[in-house]
């Protein structure tokens, strides 16, 4: 599972080419991870935009070192791929619904040392062909609006397809595009997306950095087979609380090894992909021992006071729960107490330094 959430501002809403350079540089400084360039031909979608000209992408390439993510909403992508790669694209995404041999087109993109994406419209269902495209692509893009214009509402039913893709392709980038805002970013992340495209959700805000940082906020969660049911209950609760969580696995009830998931979360926190993580196994002890072995402070808790003290005295970034001894309701209380508390420092820092 990709644990770093990336924000890709969509430049579609910038229709005035005279404003483009200033906006790109402003977004770059504010912390954009990459830039999403929507290319529309007026055929595949009814709109035709200035970004259809690869020279615009070439200009953007001069204004930022961030990756340029070119989304080809065109009927015949074969006619456009070469021009945008030459212009400096780092990712080129074609639509599953467009013309041409999609497997061959994806291979052609990758052979030019550019990452290849496959985009799926909201109505497109998984079948054998779509599965083959997803296996070939480096990135899967789910349209969460009907493509063609900005400012639409996020289509919630696409989340089930995102969940399926994340389960089937745990190590691929999954991107969502359409109607993504601070208020609903958590739903896409919890479903399994790790790259969020947002146009008006960012551009209509005054503080670009603040809104992008808010979109990235998420807590990591992982379990073995014994903790799977409790993990799913905690995830559902996070959705109700409108908080994002990144599920690193396991994704089934099949027997698995808990140190694998402890390591994933410990390493992600060390990379600063997220600030907090939750690990669940049968007793919680195995996860706690493994996570501490991998270099984070993980605390096994059995009540709210222990959870609060794990933060106050131990500055624990990972909370460990035992599914055999913890109900979903108790887990909610422990997590709330743990995240609400503040590290007290002082004499406790001296002791943590001894670790």
Foldseek 3Di string as FASTA:
>chain_A
DDLFFAEAEECQVVQDLVCVLVVLLQLVVLPHQEYEYEAADCPLANDGGPVVQLVSLLVSVVRDPHAYAYEYSYQDCVVPLVSNVVSPHQEYEYEPPHDDDLLVVQVVNVVSVHFYEYEYEPVDDDDPSNVVNLVSGQEYEYEQDGPHDADDAGNLVCLQVLLVSCLVPVPGAYEYDGRDALQQLQSNQQSPHRYYYDYCNQPVDDRNNVRRVSSLAEEEEEEFLQCVVLRVLLSVVCVVVSGHYHYNDDPDNDGDDQLVRLLVRLVCVVVVSYQAYEYEYQAQVVSQVSNVVNPFHEDEDQAQVSLLCCCQQVVGRYYTYHPNRADSVRVVSSVVNNVVHHHNDDPSVVVNVVD
